[in-house]
Amino acid sequence: MPFLKNVRIEPDLIRKGEFPFTMPLFSSGLEIEFTSSITFLVGENGSGKSTLIEAIAENCGFNRSGGSRNHVYSSQEQSSGLASALKLSWMPKVTNGFFMRAESFYNFAAYLDEMEEDDPGILDAYGGRSLLRQSHGESFLSLFTNRFHKGIYLLDEPEAALSPSRQLSFLVLLHELELAGNAQFIIATHSPILIGYPGAVILSLDGGRITPIPYEEAPQYQLTRDFLNHPQQYLNDLFAD
């Protein structure tokens, strides 16, 4: 069962006219009940997935550029203001975990290399090799495999560097951690493969509201399925004069 049970916006803390409260998803408040240890946030670009997951991570005390509560380094990511308006409800409260932002992963990996110079052995917790000396996909899986054990894990588009086969490897890791009962995942993703995880809750953020949807109704699943079934028809339509 999930540790983080509920996330909501305190209505009196909404700053009208300021980002991100100008976005439909946050303009009048929201509330999410987490009922599964694995939850996927899906939606079109600009729907608010990354903004929401970053604000949750900030409330957990994680670095906004990625990392755990123990990773203290300069972040170029500015607080959106949403974090201060969120109320998180836990049972029990956990402090272990990790926030991974695909787009700022390089900054986190470089930080680890700098720490290794002063504290040899710090990379042992990440497989013993510099994440910057691995391919992008290898470094992601190295992080997931070696660093994810017990706690809450907030991931923003983890599929960004993973091939389809590596995405399947990631699903195996999710399964192992779910069976152990020690981890909760909230994952923002566009991947039709990842959201196929059995029993996961899929929350659509499209239309400015939170809507649970079955796998077969997820837009990325439907579009991928239809394209693979009729690729030439899609391409002809796209490139028609």
Foldseek 3Di string as FASTA:
>chain_A
DAFWFKKKFDQVQQDPPAPPCVQLQNVRMAMDGDDALEEEEEEDPPLCQLVVLLLVCVLLCADSLKFANPDDDDDPDDNRSRNVRMDIDGDHDDNDEMEHELVSVVVVLVSQVVVCVVPPPPCVLQVNDRLVPDQSLVSLVSCLVRPDAADEYEYEASCPRPDPVSLVVSLVSVVVRVVVVGYGYYYYHLDLVNVVRPPYWYWYSPPNHTDTDDSVPRVSVVVVVVCVVPVVVVVCVVPPD
